[in-house]
PDB file of N, CA and C in Angstrom:
ATOM      1  N   UNK A   1     -68.205 -99.123  29.252  1.00  0.00           N
ATOM      2  CA  UNK A   1     -69.186 -99.505  29.967  1.00  0.00           C
ATOM      3  C   UNK A   1     -68.315 -99.805  31.068  1.00  0.00           C
ATOM      4  N   UNK A   2     -69.147 -99.466  32.256  1.00  0.00           N
ATOM      5  CA  UNK A   2     -68.940 -99.386  34.008  1.00  0.00           C
ATOM      6  C   UNK A   2     -69.361-100.665  34.321  1.00  0.00           C
ATOM      7  N   UNK A   3     -67.893-100.840  35.406  1.00  0.00           N
ATOM      8  CA  UNK A   3     -68.460-102.229  35.667  1.00  0.00           C
ATOM      9  C   UNK A   3     -68.422-101.959  37.560  1.00  0.00           C
ATOM     10  N   UNK A   4     -69.105-102.959  38.199  1.00  0.00           N
ATOM     11  CA  UNK A   4     -69.099-102.821  39.405  1.00  0.00           C
ATOM     12  C   UNK A   4     -67.753-102.949  39.618  1.00  0.00           C
ATOM     13  N   UNK A   5     -68.295-102.290  41.491  1.00  0.00           N
ATOM     14  CA  UNK A   5     -66.881-102.170  42.520  1.00  0.00           C
ATOM     15  C   UNK A   5     -67.320-102.489  43.334  1.00  0.00           C
ATOM     16  N   UNK A   6     -66.080-103.284  44.546  1.00  0.00           N
ATOM     17  CA  UNK A   6     -66.873-103.253  45.803  1.00  0.00           C
ATOM     18  C   UNK A   6     -65.997-102.386  46.894  1.00  0.00           C
ATOM     19  N   UNK A   7     -66.639-101.513  46.654  1.00  0.00           N
ATOM     20  CA  UNK A   7     -66.227 -99.952  47.870  1.00  0.00           C
ATOM     21  C   UNK A   7     -66.808 -99.192  48.155  1.00  0.00           C
ATOM     22  N   UNK A   8     -66.603 -99.048  49.539  1.00  0.00           N
ATOM     23  CA  UNK A   8     -68.143 -98.701  50.317  1.00  0.00           C
ATOM     24  C   UNK A   8     -67.665 -97.891  51.282  1.00  0.00           C
ATOM     25  N   UNK A   9     -67.035 -96.741  51.202  1.00  0.00           N
ATOM     26  CA  UNK A   9     -66.352 -95.326  52.193  1.00  0.00           C
ATOM     27  C   UNK A   9     -66.802 -95.364  53.186  1.00  0.00           C
ATOM     28  N   UNK A  10     -66.523 -94.482  54.393  1.00  0.00           N
ATOM     29  CA  UNK A  10     -67.613 -94.699  55.575  1.00  0.00           C
ATOM     30  C   UNK A  10     -68.533 -93.178  55.419  1.00  0.00           C
ATOM     31  N   UNK A  11     -68.201 -92.590  54.457  1.00  0.00           N
ATOM     32  CA  UNK A  11     -69.114 -91.223  54.233  1.00  0.00           C
ATOM     33  C   UNK A  11     -70.249 -91.690  53.944  1.00  0.00           C
ATOM     34  N   UNK A  12     -70.473 -92.688  52.893  1.00  0.00           N
ATOM     35  CA  UNK A  12     -71.770 -93.181  51.536  1.00  0.00           C
ATOM     36  C   UNK A  12     -71.611 -94.537  51.654  1.00  0.00           C
ATOM     37  N   UNK A  13     -71.807 -95.512  52.512  1.00  0.00           N
ATOM     38  CA  UNK A  13     -71.916 -96.914  52.799  1.00  0.00           C
ATOM     39  C   UNK A  13     -73.345 -97.140  52.437  1.00  0.00           C
ATOM     40  N   UNK A  14     -73.643 -99.122  51.610  1.00  0.00           N
ATOM     41  CA  UNK A  14     -73.918 -98.919  51.005  1.00  0.00           C
ATOM     42  C   UNK A  14     -74.415 -98.506  49.554  1.00  0.00           C
ATOM     43  N   UNK A  15     -73.740 -97.621  48.779  1.00  0.00           N
ATOM     44  CA  UNK A  15     -73.575 -97.011  47.331  1.00  0.00           C
ATOM     45  C   UNK A  15     -73.251 -98.225  47.104  1.00  0.00           C
ATOM     46  N   UNK A  16     -73.748 -98.521  45.471  1.00  0.00           N
ATOM     47  CA  UNK A  16     -73.636 -99.269  44.515  1.00  0.00           C
ATOM     48  C   UNK A  16     -72.735 -98.874  43.784  1.00  0.00           C
ATOM     49  N   UNK A  17     -71.879 -98.653  43.797  1.00  0.00           N
ATOM     50  CA  UNK A  17     -70.426 -97.778  43.064  1.00  0.00           C
ATOM     51  C   UNK A  17     -70.208 -98.535  41.384  1.00  0.00           C
ATOM     52  N   UNK A  18     -69.750 -98.079  40.644  1.00  0.00           N
ATOM     53  CA  UNK A  18     -69.106 -98.698  39.123  1.00  0.00           C
ATOM     54  C   UNK A  18     -67.828 -97.426  39.182  1.00  0.00           C
ATOM     55  N   UNK A  19     -66.952 -97.678  37.926  1.00  0.00           N
ATOM     56  CA  UNK A  19     -66.685 -97.515  37.368  1.00  0.00           C
ATOM     57  C   UNK A  19     -66.300 -97.475  36.060  1.00  0.00           C
ATOM     58  N   UNK A  20     -65.624 -96.374  35.352  1.00  0.00           N
ATOM     59  CA  UNK A  20     -65.295 -97.043  33.953  1.00  0.00           C
ATOM     60  C   UNK A  20     -64.559 -97.632  33.214  1.00  0.00           C
ATOM     61  N   UNK A  21     -63.413 -98.188  33.642  1.00  0.00           N
ATOM     62  CA  UNK A  21     -62.580 -99.019  33.092  1.00  0.00           C
ATOM     63  C   UNK A  21     -61.565-100.102  34.236  1.00  0.00           C
ATOM     64  N   UNK A  22     -60.371-100.555  33.955  1.00  0.00           N
ATOM     65  CA  UNK A  22     -60.264-101.631  34.621  1.00  0.00           C
ATOM     66  C   UNK A  22     -59.170-101.620  34.061  1.00  0.00           C
ATOM     67  N   UNK A  23     -57.525-101.999  34.344  1.00  0.00           N
ATOM     68  CA  UNK A  23     -56.433-102.287  33.679  1.00  0.00           C
ATOM     69  C   UNK A  23     -56.177-103.593  32.926  1.00  0.00           C
ATOM     70  N   UNK A  24     -55.798-103.414  32.239  1.00  0.00           N
ATOM     71  CA  UNK A  24     -55.896-104.729  31.422  1.00  0.00           C
ATOM     72  C   UNK A  24     -54.664-105.781  31.801  1.00  0.00           C
ATOM     73  N   UNK A  25     -53.812-105.093  32.428  1.00  0.00           N
ATOM     74  CA  UNK A  25     -52.402-105.724  33.149  1.00  0.00           C
ATOM     75  C   UNK A  25     -52.819-106.312  34.498  1.00  0.00           C
ATOM     76  N   UNK A  26     -53.143-105.637  35.267  1.00  0.00           N
ATOM     77  CA  UNK A  26     -53.645-106.701  36.761  1.00  0.00           C
ATOM     78  C   UNK A  26     -54.674-106.511  36.819  1.00  0.00           C
ATOM     79  N   UNK A  27     -55.292-105.936  36.373  1.00  0.00           N
ATOM     80  CA  UNK A  27     -56.973-105.931  37.374  1.00  0.00           C
ATOM     81  C   UNK A  27     -57.655-105.096  38.203  1.00  0.00           C
ATOM     82  N   UNK A  28     -56.577-104.136  38.368  1.00  0.00           N
ATOM     83  CA  UNK A  28     -56.465-103.267  39.190  1.00  0.00           C
ATOM     84  C   UNK A  28     -57.650-102.007  38.627  1.00  0.00           C
ATOM     85  N   UNK A  29     -58.421-101.333  39.437  1.00  0.00           N
ATOM     86  CA  UNK A  29     -59.344 -99.936  39.579  1.00  0.00           C
ATOM     87  C   UNK A  29     -58.289 -99.168  39.321  1.00  0.00           C
ATOM     88  N   UNK A  30     -58.294 -98.397  37.813  1.00  0.00           N
ATOM     89  CA  UNK A  30     -57.136 -97.232  37.868  1.00  0.00           C
ATOM     90  C   UNK A  30     -58.375 -95.860  37.662  1.00  0.00           C
ATOM     91  N   UNK A  31     -59.640 -95.932  38.236  1.00  0.00           N
ATOM     92  CA  UNK A  31     -59.433 -94.283  37.548  1.00  0.00           C
ATOM     93  C   UNK A  31     -60.608 -94.083  39.597  1.00  0.00           C
ATOM     94  N   UNK A  32     -61.532 -93.521  39.490  1.00  0.00           N
ATOM     95  CA  UNK A  32     -63.016 -92.614  39.946  1.00  0.00           C
ATOM     96  C   UNK A  32     -63.965 -93.032  39.686  1.00  0.00           C
ATOM     97  N   UNK A  33     -64.738 -93.462  40.958  1.00  0.00           N
ATOM     98  CA  UNK A  33     -65.774 -94.172  40.806  1.00  0.00           C
ATOM     99  C   UNK A  33     -66.731 -93.320  40.979  1.00  0.00           C
ATOM    100  N   UNK A  34     -68.172 -93.820  40.691  1.00  0.00           N
ATOM    101  CA  UNK A  34     -69.578 -93.095  40.933  1.00  0.00           C
ATOM    102  C   UNK A  34     -70.657 -94.113  41.120  1.00  0.00           C
ATOM    103  N   UNK A  35     -71.725 -93.515  42.380  1.00  0.00           N
ATOM    104  CA  UNK A  35     -72.744 -93.954  42.501  1.00  0.00           C
ATOM    105  C   UNK A  35     -74.141 -92.733  42.445  1.00  0.00           C
ATOM    106  N   UNK A  36     -75.752 -93.614  42.517  1.00  0.00           N
ATOM    107  CA  UNK A  36     -76.080 -92.933  42.936  1.00  0.00           C
ATOM    108  C   UNK A  36     -76.685 -92.216  44.228  1.00  0.00           C
ATOM    109  N   UNK A  37     -76.483 -91.511  44.463  1.00  0.00           N
ATOM    110  CA  UNK A  37     -76.387 -91.244  46.314  1.00  0.00           C
ATOM    111  C   UNK A  37     -77.361 -91.177  46.999  1.00  0.00           C
ATOM    112  N   UNK A  38     -78.954 -90.986  45.934  1.00  0.00           N
ATOM    113  CA  UNK A  38     -80.357 -90.885  46.844  1.00  0.00           C
ATOM    114  C   UNK A  38     -80.588 -89.251  46.685  1.00  0.00           C
ATOM    115  N   UNK A  39     -81.920 -88.680  46.470  1.00  0.00           N
ATOM    116  CA  UNK A  39     -82.546 -87.809  47.218  1.00  0.00           C
ATOM    117  C   UNK A  39     -81.530 -86.859  45.913  1.00  0.00           C
ATOM    118  N   UNK A  40     -81.706 -87.291  44.364  1.00  0.00           N
ATOM    119  CA  UNK A  40     -81.361 -86.503  43.500  1.00  0.00           C
ATOM    120  C   UNK A  40     -79.971 -85.759  43.403  1.00  0.00           C
ATOM    121  N   UNK A  41     -79.251 -86.794  43.588  1.00  0.00           N
ATOM    122  CA  UNK A  41     -77.364 -86.912  44.397  1.00  0.00           C
ATOM    123  C   UNK A  41     -77.002 -87.437  43.689  1.00  0.00           C
ATOM    124  N   UNK A  42     -75.622 -87.617  43.175  1.00  0.00           N
ATOM    125  CA  UNK A  42     -74.419 -87.870  42.504  1.00  0.00           C
ATOM    126  C   UNK A  42     -73.026 -88.360  43.527  1.00  0.00           C
ATOM    127  N   UNK A  43     -73.032 -89.593  43.498  1.00  0.00           N
ATOM    128  CA  UNK A  43     -71.512 -89.265  44.165  1.00  0.00           C
ATOM    129  C   UNK A  43     -70.384 -90.271  43.414  1.00  0.00           C
ATOM    130  N   UNK A  44     -69.288 -89.118  43.629  1.00  0.00           N
ATOM    131  CA  UNK A  44     -67.698 -89.766  42.816  1.00  0.00           C
ATOM    132  C   UNK A  44     -66.761 -89.482  43.648  1.00  0.00           C
ATOM    133  N   UNK A  45     -66.421 -91.014  43.512  1.00  0.00           N
ATOM    134  CA  UNK A  45     -65.484 -91.081  44.275  1.00  0.00           C
ATOM    135  C   UNK A  45     -63.449 -91.362  43.813  1.00  0.00           C
ATOM    136  N   UNK A  46     -62.527 -90.437  44.243  1.00  0.00           N
ATOM    137  CA  UNK A  46     -61.316 -91.333  44.022  1.00  0.00           C
ATOM    138  C   UNK A  46     -61.243 -92.882  44.958  1.00  0.00           C
ATOM    139  N   UNK A  47     -61.261 -93.646  44.130  1.00  0.00           N
ATOM    140  CA  UNK A  47     -61.079 -95.058  44.826  1.00  0.00           C
ATOM    141  C   UNK A  47     -59.939 -95.208  45.677  1.00  0.00           C
ATOM    142  N   UNK A  48     -58.899 -94.499  45.468  1.00  0.00           N
ATOM    143  CA  UNK A  48     -57.933 -94.489  46.328  1.00  0.00           C
ATOM    144  C   UNK A  48     -57.294 -93.767  48.081  1.00  0.00           C
ATOM    145  N   UNK A  49     -58.787 -92.935  47.926  1.00  0.00           N
ATOM    146  CA  UNK A  49     -58.726 -92.234  48.655  1.00  0.00           C
ATOM    147  C   UNK A  49     -60.470 -92.274  49.443  1.00  0.00           C
ATOM    148  N   UNK A  50     -60.784 -93.062  50.075  1.00  0.00           N
ATOM    149  CA  UNK A  50     -61.781 -93.122  50.836  1.00  0.00           C
ATOM    150  C   UNK A  50     -62.888 -91.769  51.472  1.00  0.00           C
ATOM    151  N   UNK A  51     -61.627 -90.421  51.786  1.00  0.00           N
ATOM    152  CA  UNK A  51     -62.399 -89.394  52.592  1.00  0.00           C
ATOM    153  C   UNK A  51     -62.300 -88.783  50.521  1.00  0.00           C
ATOM    154  N   UNK A  52     -61.551 -88.837  50.217  1.00  0.00           N
ATOM    155  CA  UNK A  52     -62.297 -88.270  48.545  1.00  0.00           C
ATOM    156  C   UNK A  52     -63.682 -88.082  48.083  1.00  0.00           C
ATOM    157  N   UNK A  53     -64.795 -88.225  48.475  1.00  0.00           N
ATOM    158  CA  UNK A  53     -66.105 -88.571  48.383  1.00  0.00           C
ATOM    159  C   UNK A  53     -66.814 -86.880  48.270  1.00  0.00           C
ATOM    160  N   UNK A  54     -67.800 -86.579  46.755  1.00  0.00           N
ATOM    161  CA  UNK A  54     -67.982 -85.614  46.614  1.00  0.00           C
ATOM    162  C   UNK A  54     -69.512 -85.825  45.752  1.00  0.00           C
ATOM    163  N   UNK A  55     -70.699 -84.689  46.111  1.00  0.00           N
ATOM    164  CA  UNK A  55     -71.622 -85.321  46.043  1.00  0.00           C
ATOM    165  C   UNK A  55     -72.125 -84.055  44.657  1.00  0.00           C
ATOM    166  N   UNK A  56     -73.114 -84.096  44.501  1.00  0.00           N
ATOM    167  CA  UNK A  56     -73.673 -82.942  43.173  1.00  0.00           C
ATOM    168  C   UNK A  56     -74.713 -83.083  41.865  1.00  0.00           C
ATOM    169  N   UNK A  57     -75.548 -82.415  41.914  1.00  0.00           N
ATOM    170  CA  UNK A  57     -76.156 -82.972  41.135  1.00  0.00           C
ATOM    171  C   UNK A  57     -76.165 -83.885  39.817  1.00  0.00           C
ATOM    172  N   UNK A  58     -76.956 -83.963  38.670  1.00  0.00           N
ATOM    173  CA  UNK A  58     -76.350 -84.502  37.860  1.00  0.00           C
ATOM    174  C   UNK A  58     -76.361 -82.904  36.850  1.00  0.00           C
ATOM    175  N   UNK A  59     -77.430 -81.973  37.063  1.00  0.00           N
ATOM    176  CA  UNK A  59     -76.898 -80.867  36.022  1.00  0.00           C
ATOM    177  C   UNK A  59     -75.702 -80.598  36.164  1.00  0.00           C
ATOM    178  N   UNK A  60     -74.779 -80.729  37.579  1.00  0.00           N
ATOM    179  CA  UNK A  60     -73.565 -80.353  37.740  1.00  0.00           C
ATOM    180  C   UNK A  60     -72.589 -80.944  36.762  1.00  0.00           C
ATOM    181  N   UNK A  61     -72.452 -82.229  37.570  1.00  0.00           N
ATOM    182  CA  UNK A  61     -71.790 -83.369  36.367  1.00  0.00           C
ATOM    183  C   UNK A  61     -72.047 -83.003  35.363  1.00  0.00           C
ATOM    184  N   UNK A  62     -72.776 -82.289  34.779  1.00  0.00           N
ATOM    185  CA  UNK A  62     -73.007 -82.993  33.521  1.00  0.00           C
ATOM    186  C   UNK A  62     -72.171 -81.414  33.088  1.00  0.00           C
ATOM    187  N   UNK A  63     -71.859 -79.932  33.723  1.00  0.00           N
ATOM    188  CA  UNK A  63     -71.636 -78.884  33.133  1.00  0.00           C
ATOM    189  C   UNK A  63     -69.692 -79.376  33.441  1.00  0.00           C
ATOM    190  N   UNK A  64     -69.950 -79.895  34.383  1.00  0.00           N
ATOM    191  CA  UNK A  64     -67.688 -80.672  34.574  1.00  0.00           C
ATOM    192  C   UNK A  64     -67.897 -81.400  33.198  1.00  0.00           C
ATOM    193  N   UNK A  65     -68.101 -82.282  32.605  1.00  0.00           N
ATOM    194  CA  UNK A  65     -68.434 -82.758  31.478  1.00  0.00           C
ATOM    195  C   UNK A  65     -68.421 -81.635  30.380  1.00  0.00           C
ATOM    196  N   UNK A  66     -68.863 -81.480  30.365  1.00  0.00           N
ATOM    197  CA  UNK A  66     -69.001 -80.136  29.152  1.00  0.00           C
ATOM    198  C   UNK A  66     -67.444 -79.024  29.394  1.00  0.00           C
ATOM    199  N   UNK A  67     -67.191 -78.884  30.745  1.00  0.00           N
ATOM    200  CA  UNK A  67     -66.119 -77.501  30.887  1.00  0.00           C
ATOM    201  C   UNK A  67     -64.721 -78.763  30.627  1.00  0.00           C
ATOM    202  N   UNK A  68     -65.132 -80.548  30.751  1.00  0.00           N
ATOM    203  CA  UNK A  68     -63.632 -81.363  30.398  1.00  0.00           C
ATOM    204  C   UNK A  68     -63.510 -81.114  28.587  1.00  0.00           C
ATOM    205  N   UNK A  69     -64.882 -81.640  28.037  1.00  0.00           N
ATOM    206  CA  UNK A  69     -64.330 -81.734  26.814  1.00  0.00           C
ATOM    207  C   UNK A  69     -64.467 -80.654  26.424  1.00  0.00           C
ATOM    208  N   UNK A  70     -64.298 -79.155  26.902  1.00  0.00           N
ATOM    209  CA  UNK A  70     -64.029 -78.146  26.293  1.00  0.00           C
ATOM    210  C   UNK A  70     -62.545 -78.329  26.043  1.00  0.00           C
ATOM    211  N   UNK A  71     -61.911 -78.835  26.615  1.00  0.00           N
ATOM    212  CA  UNK A  71     -60.242 -78.300  27.235  1.00  0.00           C
ATOM    213  C   UNK A  71     -60.103 -77.328  28.535  1.00  0.00           C
ATOM    214  N   UNK A  72     -61.237 -77.162  28.914  1.00  0.00           N
ATOM    215  CA  UNK A  72     -61.024 -76.176  30.508  1.00  0.00           C
ATOM    216  C   UNK A  72     -59.877 -76.551  31.309  1.00  0.00           C
ATOM    217  N   UNK A  73     -60.274 -77.786  31.214  1.00  0.00           N
ATOM    218  CA  UNK A  73     -59.114 -78.212  32.228  1.00  0.00           C
ATOM    219  C   UNK A  73     -58.264 -79.027  31.942  1.00  0.00           C
ATOM    220  N   UNK A  74     -57.638 -78.496  30.647  1.00  0.00           N
ATOM    221  CA  UNK A  74     -56.313 -79.403  29.993  1.00  0.00           C
ATOM    222  C   UNK A  74     -55.073 -78.672  30.631  1.00  0.00           C
ATOM    223  N   UNK A  75     -54.918 -77.643  31.277  1.00  0.00           N
ATOM    224  CA  UNK A  75     -53.626 -77.366  31.807  1.00  0.00           C
ATOM    225  C   UNK A  75     -53.433 -77.806  33.048  1.00  0.00           C
ATOM    226  N   UNK A  76     -54.189 -78.388  33.536  1.00  0.00           N
ATOM    227  CA  UNK A  76     -54.331 -79.415  35.295  1.00  0.00           C
ATOM    228  C   UNK A  76     -54.027 -80.686  35.265  1.00  0.00           C
ATOM    229  N   UNK A  77     -54.214 -81.299  33.566  1.00  0.00           N
ATOM    230  CA  UNK A  77     -54.738 -82.627  32.970  1.00  0.00           C
ATOM    231  C   UNK A  77     -53.109 -83.199  32.512  1.00  0.00           C
ATOM    232  N   UNK A  78     -52.273 -81.887  32.433  1.00  0.00           N
ATOM    233  CA  UNK A  78     -51.478 -82.502  31.483  1.00  0.00           C
ATOM    234  C   UNK A  78     -51.529 -82.470  29.989  1.00  0.00           C
ATOM    235  N   UNK A  79     -52.464 -81.942  28.988  1.00  0.00           N
ATOM    236  CA  UNK A  79     -53.017 -82.392  28.133  1.00  0.00           C
ATOM    237  C   UNK A  79     -51.935 -81.435  27.530  1.00  0.00           C
TER     238      UNK A  79
END
C-alpha cells in the first residue's frame, strides 16, 4: 500500500509523491518515491537525493518492472 510523502524536489515541484513502504522501526522512508508528473509521464525519485528524479511513460516503467521481475538486474542488487 502506498503512503503519501512530504517530498518536494525543486526540479519537480508540487507533485503528489507516494512511497511503497516505510520502516517499521523508525518511521523513516526507506525507498524510492513515485508521482504522476502530468503530460502522460510518471516521476521516480530517490528520496535521499532530490536531484535524482527521472521521468518515463507508464509503458517504459512497465518494461523496467518486467525486467526486474525477470531477474535481469539481480547482479546489480546483490541477489
